[in-house]
Amino acid sequence: MPPDSEEYLGVDAGAAKVGIARGSTGARLAEPLLSVETKEAAETLASIAEENQAAGIVIGLPRGLDGQETAQTQAVKNWVVGIKEKIKLPLYWQDEAATSLAAGELQTSNFKHQASDEHAVAAAIILQDFLDTPKQSRVVV
């Protein structure tokens, strides 16, 4: 890994499950890791972040088709407030427009990843979008 490369975790937070992915600014490639129950996600994220020496966590921010906030937007924002106490890393928002749909399509195509599911793949798509975003355009929680 290049010396200026940083590791990040990507998150697709849902009501029941949270998908987790990892990637680096050096490789500029995100990979799905796993999904966990939402109630266990903060501890799992903290552990994976420490294990990978992550520089931050990127959280998908759901919005409506016209960019408006929805009930799910507020649910994810509330969830993030709860995990901020347990995870002492920078948190970033990444628009997750259509990532779940794209993840479902990838899962039914030839793309397969060991032990991944739709939530982990959606987290990888969210993280990939973040890695492709110029640093000055990133949105801190």
C-alpha atoms as a PDB file:
ATOM      1  CA  MET A   1       0.000   0.000   0.000  1.00  0.00           C
ATOM      2  CA  PRO A   2       1.388   3.444  -0.894  1.00  0.00           C
ATOM      3  CA  PRO A   3       2.517   5.535   2.116  1.00  0.00           C
ATOM      4  CA  ASP A   4      -0.169   8.188   1.554  1.00  0.00           C
ATOM      5  CA  SER A   5      -2.942   5.599   1.215  1.00  0.00           C
ATOM      6  CA  GLU A   6      -5.735   5.553   3.780  1.00  0.00           C
ATOM      7  CA  GLU A   7      -8.184   2.772   4.588  1.00  0.00           C
ATOM      8  CA  TYR A   8     -11.898   3.518   4.872  1.00  0.00           C
ATOM      9  CA  LEU A   9     -14.966   1.498   5.745  1.00  0.00           C
ATOM     10  CA  GLY A  10     -18.228   1.940   3.878  1.00  0.00           C
ATOM     11  CA  VAL A  11     -21.647   1.428   5.471  1.00  0.00           C
ATOM     12  CA  ASP A  12     -25.114   0.775   4.114  1.00  0.00           C
ATOM     13  CA  ALA A  13     -27.307   1.197   7.199  1.00  0.00           C
ATOM     14  CA  GLY A  14     -30.738  -0.384   7.171  1.00  0.00           C
ATOM     15  CA  ALA A  15     -33.441  -1.022   9.742  1.00  0.00           C
ATOM     16  CA  ALA A  16     -32.478  -4.679  10.239  1.00  0.00           C
ATOM     17  CA  LYS A  17     -29.016  -5.071   8.675  1.00  0.00           C
ATOM     18  CA  VAL A  18     -25.917  -2.975   8.093  1.00  0.00           C
ATOM     19  CA  GLY A  19     -23.645  -3.764   5.165  1.00  0.00           C
ATOM     20  CA  ILE A  20     -19.928  -3.122   5.602  1.00  0.00           C
ATOM     21  CA  ALA A  21     -17.217  -2.704   2.965  1.00  0.00           C
ATOM     22  CA  ARG A  22     -13.589  -1.634   2.999  1.00  0.00           C
ATOM     23  CA  GLY A  23     -11.315   0.132   0.571  1.00  0.00           C
ATOM     24  CA  SER A  24      -8.287   2.360   0.326  1.00  0.00           C
ATOM     25  CA  THR A  25      -7.416   5.618  -1.326  1.00  0.00           C
ATOM     26  CA  GLY A  26      -4.285   3.940  -2.707  1.00  0.00           C
ATOM     27  CA  ALA A  27      -6.019   1.087  -4.523  1.00  0.00           C
ATOM     28  CA  ARG A  28      -9.159   3.201  -5.106  1.00  0.00           C
ATOM     29  CA  LEU A  29     -11.193   0.032  -4.983  1.00  0.00           C
ATOM     30  CA  ALA A  30     -13.907  -0.937  -2.498  1.00  0.00           C
ATOM     31  CA  GLU A  31     -14.796  -4.514  -1.608  1.00  0.00           C
ATOM     32  CA  PRO A  32     -17.850  -5.878   0.207  1.00  0.00           C
ATOM     33  CA  LEU A  33     -17.092  -7.514   3.552  1.00  0.00           C
ATOM     34  CA  LEU A  34     -20.196  -8.601   5.428  1.00  0.00           C
ATOM     35  CA  SER A  35     -23.562  -7.668   6.836  1.00  0.00           C
ATOM     36  CA  VAL A  36     -24.467  -7.637  10.503  1.00  0.00           C
ATOM     37  CA  GLU A  37     -27.571  -7.012  12.547  1.00  0.00           C
ATOM     38  CA  THR A  38     -28.068  -3.269  13.008  1.00  0.00           C
ATOM     39  CA  LYS A  39     -27.929  -3.550  16.804  1.00  0.00           C
ATOM     40  CA  GLU A  40     -24.443  -5.174  16.562  1.00  0.00           C
ATOM     41  CA  ALA A  41     -23.079  -2.842  13.883  1.00  0.00           C
ATOM     42  CA  ALA A  42     -21.320  -0.244  16.067  1.00  0.00           C
ATOM     43  CA  GLU A  43     -19.197  -2.841  17.854  1.00  0.00           C
ATOM     44  CA  THR A  44     -18.432  -4.686  14.616  1.00  0.00           C
ATOM     45  CA  LEU A  45     -17.502  -1.447  12.832  1.00  0.00           C
ATOM     46  CA  ALA A  46     -15.229  -0.390  15.692  1.00  0.00           C
ATOM     47  CA  SER A  47     -13.478  -3.754  15.608  1.00  0.00           C
ATOM     48  CA  ILE A  48     -13.031  -3.816  11.816  1.00  0.00           C
ATOM     49  CA  ALA A  49     -11.890  -0.173  11.847  1.00  0.00           C
ATOM     50  CA  GLU A  50      -9.210  -0.948  14.433  1.00  0.00           C
ATOM     51  CA  GLU A  51      -8.138  -4.112  12.616  1.00  0.00           C
ATOM     52  CA  ASN A  52      -7.759  -2.217   9.314  1.00  0.00           C
ATOM     53  CA  GLN A  53      -6.416   1.001  10.896  1.00  0.00           C
ATOM     54  CA  ALA A  54      -9.217   2.866   9.144  1.00  0.00           C
ATOM     55  CA  ALA A  55      -8.939   6.622   8.682  1.00  0.00           C
ATOM     56  CA  GLY A  56     -12.709   7.035   8.639  1.00  0.00           C
ATOM     57  CA  ILE A  57     -16.130   5.533   8.020  1.00  0.00           C
ATOM     58  CA  VAL A  58     -18.338   6.451   5.081  1.00  0.00           C
ATOM     59  CA  ILE A  59     -22.072   6.174   5.643  1.00  0.00           C
ATOM     60  CA  GLY A  60     -24.609   6.055   2.858  1.00  0.00           C
ATOM     61  CA  LEU A  61     -27.193   8.802   3.203  1.00  0.00           C
ATOM     62  CA  PRO A  62     -30.531   7.743   1.722  1.00  0.00           C
ATOM     63  CA  ARG A  63     -32.727  10.340   0.055  1.00  0.00           C
ATOM     64  CA  GLY A  64     -35.836  10.411  -2.060  1.00  0.00           C
ATOM     65  CA  LEU A  65     -35.773  10.432  -5.855  1.00  0.00           C
ATOM     66  CA  ASP A  66     -35.772  14.241  -5.890  1.00  0.00           C
ATOM     67  CA  GLY A  67     -33.063  14.505  -3.232  1.00  0.00           C
ATOM     68  CA  GLN A  68     -35.500  15.156  -0.397  1.00  0.00           C
ATOM     69  CA  GLU A  69     -35.118  13.719   3.082  1.00  0.00           C
ATOM     70  CA  THR A  70     -37.256  10.690   3.889  1.00  0.00           C
ATOM     71  CA  ALA A  71     -38.098   8.683   6.990  1.00  0.00           C
ATOM     72  CA  GLN A  72     -35.104   6.459   6.162  1.00  0.00           C
ATOM     73  CA  THR A  73     -32.838   9.544   5.957  1.00  0.00           C
ATOM     74  CA  GLN A  74     -33.819  10.481   9.496  1.00  0.00           C
ATOM     75  CA  ALA A  75     -33.467   6.890  10.730  1.00  0.00           C
ATOM     76  CA  VAL A  76     -29.893   6.707   9.410  1.00  0.00           C
ATOM     77  CA  LYS A  77     -29.038  10.114  10.905  1.00  0.00           C
ATOM     78  CA  ASN A  78     -30.373   8.931  14.281  1.00  0.00           C
ATOM     79  CA  TRP A  79     -28.364   5.709  14.009  1.00  0.00           C
ATOM     80  CA  VAL A  80     -25.203   7.713  13.306  1.00  0.00           C
ATOM     81  CA  VAL A  81     -25.760   9.821  16.431  1.00  0.00           C
ATOM     82  CA  GLY A  82     -25.785   6.565  18.412  1.00  0.00           C
ATOM     83  CA  ILE A  83     -22.578   5.155  16.922  1.00  0.00           C
ATOM     84  CA  LYS A  84     -20.571   8.389  17.208  1.00  0.00           C
ATOM     85  CA  GLU A  85     -20.082   7.653  20.908  1.00  0.00           C
ATOM     86  CA  LYS A  86     -18.578   4.225  20.185  1.00  0.00           C
ATOM     87  CA  ILE A  87     -16.531   5.041  17.086  1.00  0.00           C
ATOM     88  CA  LYS A  88     -13.929   7.742  17.498  1.00  0.00           C
ATOM     89  CA  LEU A  89     -13.114   8.191  13.805  1.00  0.00           C
ATOM     90  CA  PRO A  90     -14.168  10.795  11.270  1.00  0.00           C
ATOM     91  CA  LEU A  91     -17.534   9.921   9.760  1.00  0.00           C
ATOM     92  CA  TYR A  92     -18.518  10.974   6.259  1.00  0.00           C
ATOM     93  CA  TRP A  93     -21.826  11.122   4.396  1.00  0.00           C
ATOM     94  CA  GLN A  94     -22.064   9.758   0.873  1.00  0.00           C
ATOM     95  CA  ASP A  95     -25.246  10.047  -1.171  1.00  0.00           C
ATOM     96  CA  GLU A  96     -26.496   6.515  -1.688  1.00  0.00           C
ATOM     97  CA  ALA A  97     -28.941   7.203  -4.504  1.00  0.00           C
ATOM     98  CA  ALA A  98     -29.922   3.900  -6.112  1.00  0.00           C
ATOM     99  CA  THR A  99     -27.139   1.855  -4.469  1.00  0.00           C
ATOM    100  CA  SER A 100     -29.488  -0.842  -3.148  1.00  0.00           C
ATOM    101  CA  LEU A 101     -31.011  -1.251  -6.602  1.00  0.00           C
ATOM    102  CA  ALA A 102     -27.556  -1.392  -8.187  1.00  0.00           C
ATOM    103  CA  ALA A 103     -26.402  -3.903  -5.567  1.00  0.00           C
ATOM    104  CA  GLY A 104     -29.387  -6.137  -6.289  1.00  0.00           C
ATOM    105  CA  GLU A 105     -28.630  -6.010  -9.993  1.00  0.00           C
ATOM    106  CA  LEU A 106     -24.978  -6.880  -9.368  1.00  0.00           C
ATOM    107  CA  GLN A 107     -25.973  -9.812  -7.176  1.00  0.00           C
ATOM    108  CA  THR A 108     -28.128 -11.234  -9.969  1.00  0.00           C
ATOM    109  CA  SER A 109     -25.439 -10.668 -12.613  1.00  0.00           C
ATOM    110  CA  ASN A 110     -22.154 -12.515 -12.898  1.00  0.00           C
ATOM    111  CA  PHE A 111     -20.660 -10.421 -10.059  1.00  0.00           C
ATOM    112  CA  LYS A 112     -20.300 -12.561  -6.956  1.00  0.00           C
ATOM    113  CA  HIS A 113     -18.246 -12.080  -3.833  1.00  0.00           C
ATOM    114  CA  GLN A 114     -17.679 -14.675  -1.157  1.00  0.00           C
ATOM    115  CA  ALA A 115     -19.870 -14.125   1.877  1.00  0.00           C
ATOM    116  CA  SER A 116     -21.301 -10.907   0.486  1.00  0.00           C
ATOM    117  CA  ASP A 117     -24.912  -9.960   0.199  1.00  0.00           C
ATOM    118  CA  GLU A 118     -26.916  -7.044  -1.106  1.00  0.00           C
ATOM    119  CA  HIS A 119     -26.176  -4.845   1.932  1.00  0.00           C
ATOM    120  CA  ALA A 120     -22.401  -5.434   1.803  1.00  0.00           C
ATOM    121  CA  VAL A 121     -22.383  -4.838  -1.957  1.00  0.00           C
ATOM    122  CA  ALA A 122     -24.383  -1.613  -1.458  1.00  0.00           C
ATOM    123  CA  ALA A 123     -21.793  -0.553   1.160  1.00  0.00           C
ATOM    124  CA  ALA A 124     -19.026  -1.196  -1.389  1.00  0.00           C
ATOM    125  CA  ILE A 125     -20.834   0.937  -3.993  1.00  0.00           C
ATOM    126  CA  ILE A 126     -21.223   3.753  -1.429  1.00  0.00           C
ATOM    127  CA  LEU A 127     -17.544   3.509  -0.514  1.00  0.00           C
ATOM    128  CA  GLN A 128     -16.460   3.396  -4.156  1.00  0.00           C
ATOM    129  CA  ASP A 129     -18.403   6.610  -4.800  1.00  0.00           C
ATOM    130  CA  PHE A 130     -16.575   8.181  -1.838  1.00  0.00           C
ATOM    131  CA  LEU A 131     -13.161   7.004  -3.058  1.00  0.00           C
ATOM    132  CA  ASP A 132     -13.945   8.506  -6.470  1.00  0.00           C
ATOM    133  CA  THR A 133     -14.971  11.854  -4.911  1.00  0.00           C
ATOM    134  CA  PRO A 134     -12.294  14.576  -4.687  1.00  0.00           C
ATOM    135  CA  LYS A 135     -11.137  15.009  -1.079  1.00  0.00           C
ATOM    136  CA  GLN A 136     -12.308  18.630  -0.910  1.00  0.00           C
ATOM    137  CA  SER A 137     -15.874  17.551  -1.860  1.00  0.00           C
ATOM    138  CA  ARG A 138     -16.282  14.992   0.941  1.00  0.00           C
ATOM    139  CA  VAL A 139     -19.016  15.709   3.496  1.00  0.00           C
ATOM    140  CA  VAL A 140     -18.137  15.212   7.172  1.00  0.00           C
ATOM    141  CA  VAL A 141     -20.954  14.096   9.496  1.00  0.00           C
END
